[in-house]
Amino acid sequence: AYVRGALAELCSFVWLPLILLFSYKNKPIVTGIFLGLLMLTHNLIFLPFVGIYIVWSLAFKRNPILPIIIAFGLTAFFWLPSLWEKQDTLVDQLLIKNLASYKIHFLCPQQLWYSPWGFGGSVAGCNDGLSFALGKIYFLVVILGLVISVIKKSWIGIISSLLLAFSLFMTLPVSRFIWDKISVLWYLQFPWRFLEFVVLFSAILAGFVISSIKNKWLSLGTAAVLIFAVIFINAKYFVPQKMLTNATDVKLTSDYQVKWVISGTSFEYLPKGMATKITPLGTLGIDIGQSQVQSVKFKIVKGDFVVDSQEFLPDSFALSGNSTVGATIQFQTVNFPGWKVWINGKEVTIEDDNPYKLITVNVPAGDIKIEGKFTNTPVRSLGNIISLVSISIIVICIVKSKTGRKKVSP
């Protein structure tokens, strides 16, 4: 939260133990709903976790197919157009290449034991600006949990240990042959994202260690000591590395900071065809400066047009007026599949053959009314229908299940 600012990734963690818990309890509908919520919270974490969930389910003789179908059905409104329409964006040019390539973000084994705390970025090699250390207490608990699991022949402990070991393995360079062959993993960008699953199974093993102590007071005492030790050892991380004396809310959220500093770090979802350039870091960036951004909502490229009224909203616009010889009008709105424009009630072809894919239309002479609207494409509509049908089926199943219980109750 404080180093990477990855709020969605942090929030995704809440669903992981719930998915495993209700899978273990053999509650497929609830498991599927939580899987769907994970997809909506952070789809990149969802990708590798599905594989982990399948292994977990099969280990406890649970069928993972129905929950996965439920999850994909509920979230079809999101993932279906995302997958289909990413071909119309810069995702494949930016998200899996340059500084975001998985090839330069593997961890060095020693970083798991110790790496200096910091607020920098991830770089190639072992000198990352942020820490990837799991913590010595975690290593102690994991080893203890593994030993107890083997002694007691506990399937939960053994499976958790194996999945933890696999997650650690996927953060290291020795796993590169897997990353190279499974291209869908490239969208994770950082192999160390698997540390989220390491933390999950470390927590399960810690709980397993505590639960293996049969004496209530000894169990509570051990838990208290572990909690205190973790807080005490990591207390130094609650101290800021440095203070930004000149930083203020007004400065950090200013129009310039938002538009020209922050937005410049993440623009992979802009439409394909936008003007790009090579940055000083040798990476691909958008070739745009403040002088290219117009303060007006539209401009007359050619001809004449006298405006009578105008209205601009995030998903629509309307412009009416008069032209004596016709005109070419360019709107400061980036074209993307779904945008449609009508002139005097008749749909016209959108032209976007310009460096920034701006919506451009030709209007005839006379009284003109231009209307533009961002509409659903067929794939978006299909995704919405699948999600609505899935929700309806789940509600019916839940209602029928509760009705059935009432009928058989004494």
Protein backbone atom coordinates (compact mmCIF):
# COMPACT_ATOMS: atom_id res chain seq x y z
CA ALA A 1 0.00 0.00 0.00
CA TYR A 2 2.71 2.50 0.95
CA VAL A 3 5.55 1.36 -1.30
CA ARG A 4 3.87 0.45 -4.58
CA GLY A 5 0.47 2.08 -4.11
CA ALA A 6 -1.05 -1.10 -5.59
CA LEU A 7 -4.41 -0.80 -3.84
CA ALA A 8 -6.29 -3.28 -6.05
CA GLU A 9 -3.58 -5.91 -5.61
CA LEU A 10 -3.65 -5.40 -1.84
CA CYS A 11 -7.46 -5.69 -1.72
CA SER A 12 -7.39 -8.88 -3.82
CA PHE A 13 -5.76 -10.71 -0.92
CA VAL A 14 -9.00 -10.72 1.09
CA TRP A 15 -10.66 -13.20 -1.32
CA LEU A 16 -7.87 -15.80 -1.39
CA PRO A 17 -8.43 -17.43 2.04
CA LEU A 18 -12.20 -17.27 1.56
CA ILE A 19 -11.94 -19.11 -1.77
CA LEU A 20 -9.80 -21.87 -0.24
CA LEU A 21 -12.01 -22.09 2.86
CA PHE A 22 -15.30 -22.53 1.01
CA SER A 23 -13.69 -24.86 -1.49
CA TYR A 24 -12.57 -27.00 1.46
CA LYS A 25 -16.13 -26.85 2.86
CA ASN A 26 -17.42 -27.94 -0.57
CA LYS A 27 -19.59 -24.84 -1.16
CA PRO A 28 -19.25 -24.42 -4.96
CA ILE A 29 -21.63 -21.47 -5.40
CA VAL A 30 -20.03 -19.39 -2.64
CA THR A 31 -16.57 -20.36 -3.89
CA GLY A 32 -17.51 -19.28 -7.42
CA ILE A 33 -18.84 -15.92 -6.19
CA PHE A 34 -15.59 -15.22 -4.32
CA LEU A 35 -13.56 -16.27 -7.38
CA GLY A 36 -15.59 -13.79 -9.41
CA LEU A 37 -14.93 -11.04 -6.88
CA LEU A 38 -11.22 -11.81 -7.12
CA MET A 39 -11.42 -11.43 -10.91
CA LEU A 40 -13.10 -8.03 -10.55
CA THR A 41 -10.65 -6.86 -7.87
CA HIS A 42 -7.45 -7.81 -9.69
CA ASN A 43 -7.65 -9.92 -12.83
CA LEU A 44 -3.86 -10.41 -13.03
CA ILE A 45 -3.77 -12.07 -9.58
CA PHE A 46 -6.77 -14.17 -10.67
CA LEU A 47 -4.83 -15.77 -13.53
CA PRO A 48 -2.20 -17.70 -11.53
CA PHE A 49 -4.49 -18.22 -8.55
CA VAL A 50 -6.95 -20.25 -10.62
CA GLY A 51 -4.21 -22.83 -11.12
CA ILE A 52 -3.43 -22.85 -7.40
CA TYR A 53 -7.14 -23.16 -6.59
CA ILE A 54 -7.53 -26.15 -8.95
CA VAL A 55 -4.64 -27.98 -7.25
CA TRP A 56 -6.10 -27.18 -3.81
CA SER A 57 -9.58 -28.41 -4.83
CA LEU A 58 -8.35 -31.65 -6.38
CA ALA A 59 -6.19 -32.35 -3.32
CA PHE A 60 -9.32 -32.36 -1.17
CA LYS A 61 -11.44 -34.14 -3.78
CA ARG A 62 -13.52 -31.08 -4.65
CA ASN A 63 -14.66 -30.40 -8.20
CA PRO A 64 -13.25 -27.01 -9.28
CA ILE A 65 -15.17 -26.81 -12.57
CA LEU A 66 -18.51 -25.43 -11.31
CA PRO A 67 -16.99 -22.58 -9.23
CA ILE A 68 -14.80 -21.58 -12.17
CA ILE A 69 -17.82 -21.56 -14.52
CA ILE A 70 -19.74 -19.45 -12.00
CA ALA A 71 -16.82 -17.01 -11.66
CA PHE A 72 -16.41 -16.59 -15.42
CA GLY A 73 -20.16 -16.30 -15.91
CA LEU A 74 -20.60 -13.59 -13.28
CA THR A 75 -17.68 -11.54 -14.59
CA ALA A 76 -18.22 -12.01 -18.34
CA PHE A 77 -19.26 -8.34 -18.61
CA PHE A 78 -15.67 -7.49 -17.65
CA TRP A 79 -13.28 -10.14 -18.98
CA LEU A 80 -14.96 -10.84 -22.33
CA PRO A 81 -14.62 -7.31 -23.76
CA SER A 82 -11.25 -6.90 -21.98
CA LEU A 83 -9.77 -9.89 -23.76
CA TRP A 84 -11.40 -9.18 -27.11
CA GLU A 85 -10.78 -5.45 -27.25
CA LYS A 86 -7.23 -5.40 -25.91
CA GLN A 87 -6.20 -5.89 -29.54
CA ASP A 88 -7.44 -2.32 -30.09
CA THR A 89 -5.15 -0.92 -27.39
CA LEU A 90 -1.42 -0.55 -26.74
CA VAL A 91 -1.47 -3.29 -24.07
CA ASP A 92 0.63 -5.81 -25.99
CA GLN A 93 3.12 -3.11 -26.96
CA LEU A 94 3.62 -1.79 -23.44
CA LEU A 95 2.38 -4.10 -20.68
CA ILE A 96 4.63 -7.07 -21.43
CA LYS A 97 7.67 -5.33 -22.87
CA ASN A 98 10.37 -2.84 -21.94
CA LEU A 99 10.60 -2.20 -18.18
CA ALA A 100 7.45 -4.25 -17.57
CA SER A 101 8.89 -7.46 -19.03
CA TYR A 102 8.90 -10.40 -16.61
CA LYS A 103 12.45 -11.24 -17.77
CA ILE A 104 14.03 -8.51 -15.63
CA HIS A 105 11.93 -8.88 -12.48
CA PHE A 106 12.93 -12.24 -11.03
CA LEU A 107 14.15 -12.23 -7.44
CA CYS A 108 17.55 -13.28 -6.18
CA PRO A 109 17.15 -16.06 -3.56
CA GLN A 110 18.94 -14.02 -0.89
CA GLN A 111 16.36 -11.25 -1.25
CA LEU A 112 13.74 -13.53 0.30
CA TRP A 113 15.83 -13.73 3.46
CA TYR A 114 17.02 -10.11 3.54
CA SER A 115 16.72 -7.07 1.30
CA PRO A 116 16.87 -3.43 2.43
CA TRP A 117 13.60 -1.64 3.03
CA GLY A 118 12.90 1.15 0.58
CA PHE A 119 10.32 2.96 -1.53
CA GLY A 120 11.94 2.53 -4.93
CA GLY A 121 11.08 0.37 -7.93
CA SER A 122 11.81 -3.11 -9.21
CA VAL A 123 14.87 -3.39 -11.45
CA ALA A 124 16.95 -6.11 -13.05
CA GLY A 125 19.29 -7.92 -10.68
CA CYS A 126 19.40 -7.88 -6.87
CA ASN A 127 19.47 -4.13 -6.19
CA ASP A 128 15.74 -3.40 -6.21
CA GLY A 129 14.53 -0.25 -4.51
CA LEU A 130 11.92 -2.11 -2.46
CA SER A 131 12.23 -5.04 -0.09
CA PHE A 132 11.12 -8.59 -0.92
CA ALA A 133 12.18 -10.16 2.37
CA LEU A 134 9.60 -12.55 3.80
CA GLY A 135 10.88 -12.18 7.34
CA LYS A 136 12.76 -14.59 9.57
CA ILE A 137 9.69 -15.34 11.71
CA TYR A 138 7.86 -16.49 8.58
CA PHE A 139 10.66 -18.85 7.65
CA LEU A 140 10.66 -20.30 11.18
CA VAL A 141 6.89 -20.83 11.17
CA VAL A 142 6.90 -22.33 7.64
CA ILE A 143 9.60 -24.87 8.54
CA LEU A 144 7.83 -25.72 11.80
CA GLY A 145 4.51 -26.12 9.95
CA LEU A 146 6.08 -28.41 7.37
CA VAL A 147 7.66 -30.62 10.05
CA ILE A 148 4.40 -30.90 12.00
CA SER A 149 2.47 -31.61 8.76
CA VAL A 150 4.75 -34.52 7.89
CA ILE A 151 4.70 -35.92 11.42
CA LYS A 152 0.92 -35.71 11.69
CA LYS A 153 0.40 -36.57 8.02
CA SER A 154 -1.86 -33.55 7.67
CA TRP A 155 -3.02 -33.05 4.09
CA ILE A 156 -3.79 -29.34 4.65
CA GLY A 157 -0.29 -28.67 5.95
CA ILE A 158 1.40 -30.69 3.22
CA ILE A 159 -0.59 -29.13 0.36
CA SER A 160 -0.05 -25.63 1.80
CA SER A 161 3.69 -26.31 2.03
CA LEU A 162 3.86 -27.57 -1.56
CA LEU A 163 1.88 -24.62 -2.94
CA LEU A 164 4.03 -22.22 -0.91
CA ALA A 165 7.19 -23.84 -2.31
CA PHE A 166 5.81 -23.59 -5.85
CA SER A 167 4.93 -19.90 -5.35
CA LEU A 168 8.47 -19.20 -4.11
CA PHE A 169 9.88 -21.12 -7.07
CA MET A 170 7.90 -18.95 -9.51
CA THR A 171 9.60 -15.79 -8.17
CA LEU A 172 13.10 -17.06 -8.96
CA PRO A 173 15.09 -17.19 -12.23
CA VAL A 174 15.05 -21.02 -12.21
CA SER A 175 11.33 -20.84 -13.12
CA ARG A 176 11.98 -18.85 -16.28
CA PHE A 177 11.40 -21.87 -18.53
CA ILE A 178 7.77 -21.90 -17.30
CA TRP A 179 7.36 -18.17 -17.85
CA ASP A 180 8.84 -18.44 -21.33
CA LYS A 181 6.36 -21.13 -22.40
CA ILE A 182 3.14 -19.79 -20.80
CA SER A 183 2.61 -16.42 -22.47
CA VAL A 184 -0.47 -15.55 -20.41
CA LEU A 185 1.86 -15.21 -17.39
CA TRP A 186 3.67 -12.37 -19.16
CA TYR A 187 0.80 -10.05 -18.25
CA LEU A 188 1.72 -10.48 -14.58
CA GLN A 189 4.85 -8.43 -15.44
CA PHE A 190 6.54 -9.17 -12.11
CA PRO A 191 7.30 -12.77 -11.07
CA TRP A 192 7.50 -11.55 -7.47
CA ARG A 193 3.72 -11.07 -7.56
CA PHE A 194 3.66 -14.74 -6.55
CA LEU A 195 4.76 -13.54 -3.10
CA GLU A 196 1.07 -12.82 -2.45
CA PHE A 197 0.46 -16.57 -2.49
CA VAL A 198 3.57 -17.17 -0.37
CA VAL A 199 2.08 -14.90 2.30
CA LEU A 200 -1.27 -16.73 2.02
CA PHE A 201 0.16 -20.20 2.59
CA SER A 202 2.57 -18.92 5.25
CA ALA A 203 -0.47 -17.67 7.15
CA ILE A 204 -2.25 -21.02 6.72
CA LEU A 205 0.81 -22.86 8.03
CA ALA A 206 1.07 -20.45 10.96
CA GLY A 207 -2.56 -21.19 11.81
CA PHE A 208 -1.84 -24.90 11.44
CA VAL A 209 1.07 -24.65 13.91
CA ILE A 210 -1.11 -22.88 16.49
CA SER A 211 -4.04 -25.29 16.02
CA SER A 212 -1.75 -28.29 16.51
CA ILE A 213 -1.21 -27.20 20.14
CA LYS A 214 -4.02 -28.88 22.05
CA ASN A 215 -3.64 -26.93 25.30
CA LYS A 216 -5.85 -23.86 24.96
CA TRP A 217 -3.71 -21.49 27.01
CA LEU A 218 -0.44 -22.67 25.48
CA SER A 219 -1.98 -22.23 22.02
CA LEU A 220 -3.11 -18.67 22.80
CA GLY A 221 0.25 -17.87 24.39
CA THR A 222 2.17 -19.12 21.35
CA ALA A 223 -0.05 -17.07 19.04
CA ALA A 224 0.50 -13.95 21.18
CA VAL A 225 4.28 -14.45 21.17
CA LEU A 226 4.36 -14.88 17.37
CA ILE A 227 2.21 -11.78 16.82
CA PHE A 228 4.34 -9.73 19.21
CA ALA A 229 7.57 -10.96 17.60
CA VAL A 230 6.38 -10.05 14.09
CA ILE A 231 5.36 -6.53 15.21
CA PHE A 232 8.52 -5.98 17.27
CA ILE A 233 10.95 -7.14 14.58
CA ASN A 234 9.18 -5.13 11.87
CA ALA A 235 8.58 -2.00 13.93
CA LYS A 236 11.37 -0.17 12.10
CA TYR A 237 9.32 -0.40 8.90
CA PHE A 238 6.66 1.84 10.41
CA VAL A 239 9.12 4.75 10.30
CA PRO A 240 9.13 6.83 7.08
CA GLN A 241 12.29 6.48 5.03
CA LYS A 242 12.25 10.21 4.36
CA MET A 243 9.86 13.13 4.62
CA LEU A 244 8.74 15.06 1.54
CA THR A 245 8.84 18.53 3.04
CA ASN A 246 7.54 20.32 -0.06
CA ALA A 247 4.69 17.90 -0.79
CA THR A 248 1.11 19.13 -0.35
CA ASP A 249 -2.27 17.79 -1.40
CA VAL A 250 -2.73 20.75 -3.74
CA LYS A 251 0.63 20.14 -5.43
CA LEU A 252 0.33 16.35 -5.73
CA THR A 253 -3.22 16.47 -7.12
CA SER A 254 -2.76 19.49 -9.35
CA ASP A 255 -3.99 19.43 -12.93
CA TYR A 256 -0.43 19.28 -14.26
CA GLN A 257 0.65 16.50 -11.88
CA VAL A 258 -2.33 14.31 -12.76
CA LYS A 259 -2.26 14.87 -16.52
CA TRP A 260 1.45 15.10 -17.27
CA VAL A 261 3.25 13.18 -14.53
CA ILE A 262 1.01 10.42 -13.17
CA SER A 263 -0.88 9.60 -16.38
CA GLY A 264 2.42 9.36 -18.24
CA THR A 265 3.35 6.24 -16.24
CA SER A 266 0.33 4.17 -17.28
CA PHE A 267 -1.19 4.61 -20.71
CA GLU A 268 -1.28 1.06 -22.10
CA TYR A 269 -5.06 1.19 -22.58
CA LEU A 270 -4.95 4.02 -25.08
CA PRO A 271 -6.09 3.00 -28.59
CA LYS A 272 -3.64 1.34 -30.94
CA GLY A 273 -2.33 3.82 -33.48
CA MET A 274 -1.62 6.65 -31.05
CA ALA A 275 1.61 8.49 -31.79
CA THR A 276 4.50 7.01 -29.79
CA LYS A 277 8.16 7.81 -29.19
CA ILE A 278 11.20 6.34 -27.47
CA THR A 279 11.73 7.90 -24.03
CA PRO A 280 15.13 8.78 -22.50
CA LEU A 281 14.93 5.44 -20.64
CA GLY A 282 14.73 3.61 -23.95
CA THR A 283 11.10 2.63 -23.44
CA LEU A 284 8.02 3.36 -25.54
CA GLY A 285 5.99 6.41 -24.58
CA ILE A 286 3.17 8.54 -25.98
CA ASP A 287 4.44 11.30 -28.26
CA ILE A 288 2.31 14.08 -26.87
CA GLY A 289 3.00 17.39 -25.21
CA GLN A 290 0.92 20.11 -23.64
CA SER A 291 0.90 22.10 -26.88
CA GLN A 292 -0.93 19.25 -28.64
CA VAL A 293 -3.81 19.21 -26.16
CA GLN A 294 -6.52 21.70 -27.00
CA SER A 295 -8.40 23.51 -24.26
CA VAL A 296 -11.58 23.51 -26.39
CA LYS A 297 -13.84 20.46 -26.85
CA PHE A 298 -13.64 20.60 -30.66
CA LYS A 299 -12.03 22.53 -33.48
CA ILE A 300 -12.89 23.34 -37.09
CA VAL A 301 -10.21 21.70 -39.22
CA LYS A 302 -11.65 22.91 -42.54
CA GLY A 303 -14.63 24.98 -43.69
CA ASP A 304 -16.92 27.01 -41.46
CA PHE A 305 -19.33 26.24 -38.64
CA VAL A 306 -21.28 28.62 -36.41
CA VAL A 307 -22.25 26.99 -33.12
CA ASP A 308 -25.77 27.36 -31.70
CA SER A 309 -25.48 24.93 -28.78
CA GLN A 310 -23.13 22.28 -27.41
CA GLU A 311 -23.06 19.66 -24.67
CA PHE A 312 -20.16 17.38 -23.76
CA LEU A 313 -20.36 14.47 -21.33
CA PRO A 314 -17.87 11.61 -20.71
CA ASP A 315 -19.87 9.18 -22.87
CA SER A 316 -21.67 11.49 -25.30
CA PHE A 317 -21.64 14.87 -26.98
CA ALA A 318 -24.05 17.05 -28.96
CA LEU A 319 -23.24 19.98 -31.21
CA SER A 320 -25.63 22.00 -33.34
CA GLY A 321 -25.08 24.95 -35.64
CA ASN A 322 -24.91 26.12 -39.25
CA SER A 323 -22.34 25.78 -42.03
CA THR A 324 -22.37 27.66 -45.33
CA VAL A 325 -19.88 25.49 -47.26
CA GLY A 326 -19.56 22.41 -45.08
CA ALA A 327 -16.83 21.64 -42.55
CA THR A 328 -14.48 19.05 -41.09
CA ILE A 329 -14.85 19.02 -37.30
CA GLN A 330 -12.43 17.28 -34.95
CA PHE A 331 -13.53 16.51 -31.39
CA GLN A 332 -11.09 16.25 -28.49
CA THR A 333 -12.32 12.72 -27.86
CA VAL A 334 -10.21 9.66 -28.61
CA ASN A 335 -11.95 7.16 -30.88
CA PHE A 336 -12.42 3.59 -29.64
CA PRO A 337 -14.77 0.75 -30.69
CA GLY A 338 -18.25 1.73 -29.53
CA TRP A 339 -18.18 5.41 -30.46
CA LYS A 340 -20.88 6.35 -32.98
CA VAL A 341 -21.72 9.71 -34.53
CA TRP A 342 -24.97 10.87 -36.17
CA ILE A 343 -25.45 13.99 -38.30
CA ASN A 344 -29.06 15.12 -38.54
CA GLY A 345 -30.14 11.67 -37.33
CA LYS A 346 -28.06 9.70 -39.86
CA GLU A 347 -25.03 7.69 -38.71
CA VAL A 348 -21.79 8.75 -40.40
CA THR A 349 -18.31 7.29 -40.65
CA ILE A 350 -15.83 8.40 -38.01
CA GLU A 351 -12.37 9.34 -39.29
CA ASP A 352 -9.48 9.03 -36.84
CA ASP A 353 -6.46 9.11 -39.16
CA ASN A 354 -4.56 11.55 -36.97
CA PRO A 355 -1.74 11.17 -34.40
CA TYR A 356 -4.08 10.96 -31.41
CA LYS A 357 -7.00 9.01 -32.89
CA LEU A 358 -9.37 11.95 -32.33
CA ILE A 359 -12.94 11.62 -33.60
CA THR A 360 -13.27 13.60 -36.85
CA VAL A 361 -16.38 13.99 -39.05
CA ASN A 362 -17.28 15.82 -42.24
CA VAL A 363 -20.50 17.85 -42.17
CA PRO A 364 -22.43 19.24 -45.15
CA ALA A 365 -23.64 22.80 -45.59
CA GLY A 366 -26.83 23.87 -43.84
CA ASP A 367 -28.34 23.46 -40.40
CA ILE A 368 -26.42 20.70 -38.64
CA LYS A 369 -27.01 18.65 -35.50
CA ILE A 370 -24.15 16.33 -34.53
CA GLU A 371 -24.65 13.67 -31.87
CA GLY A 372 -21.97 11.31 -30.57
CA LYS A 373 -22.41 8.44 -28.13
CA PHE A 374 -20.21 5.70 -26.69
CA THR A 375 -22.27 2.53 -27.17
CA ASN A 376 -21.84 -1.14 -26.37
CA THR A 377 -20.11 -3.27 -28.97
CA PRO A 378 -21.53 -6.77 -29.64
CA VAL A 379 -18.93 -8.39 -27.39
CA ARG A 380 -19.80 -6.03 -24.51
CA SER A 381 -23.50 -6.77 -24.93
CA LEU A 382 -22.78 -10.51 -24.99
CA GLY A 383 -20.73 -10.21 -21.80
CA ASN A 384 -23.55 -8.28 -20.09
CA ILE A 385 -26.12 -10.93 -21.10
CA ILE A 386 -23.94 -13.80 -19.84
CA SER A 387 -23.41 -12.03 -16.50
CA LEU A 388 -27.12 -11.25 -16.07
CA VAL A 389 -28.10 -14.84 -16.90
CA SER A 390 -25.46 -16.14 -14.46
CA ILE A 391 -26.71 -13.90 -11.67
CA SER A 392 -30.30 -14.99 -12.33
CA ILE A 393 -29.38 -18.69 -12.25
CA ILE A 394 -27.45 -18.30 -8.98
CA VAL A 395 -30.31 -16.39 -7.32
CA ILE A 396 -32.79 -19.10 -8.43
CA CYS A 397 -30.50 -21.86 -7.10
CA ILE A 398 -30.12 -20.10 -3.73
CA VAL A 399 -33.89 -19.50 -3.41
CA LYS A 400 -34.69 -23.11 -4.35
CA SER A 401 -32.08 -24.39 -1.92
CA LYS A 402 -33.57 -22.40 0.97
CA THR A 403 -37.13 -23.37 -0.01
CA GLY A 404 -36.13 -27.04 -0.09
CA ARG A 405 -34.66 -26.80 3.40
CA LYS A 406 -37.85 -25.31 4.78
CA LYS A 407 -39.94 -28.15 3.30
CA VAL A 408 -37.83 -30.90 4.86
CA SER A 409 -37.50 -29.18 8.27
CA PRO A 410 -39.61 -30.77 11.07
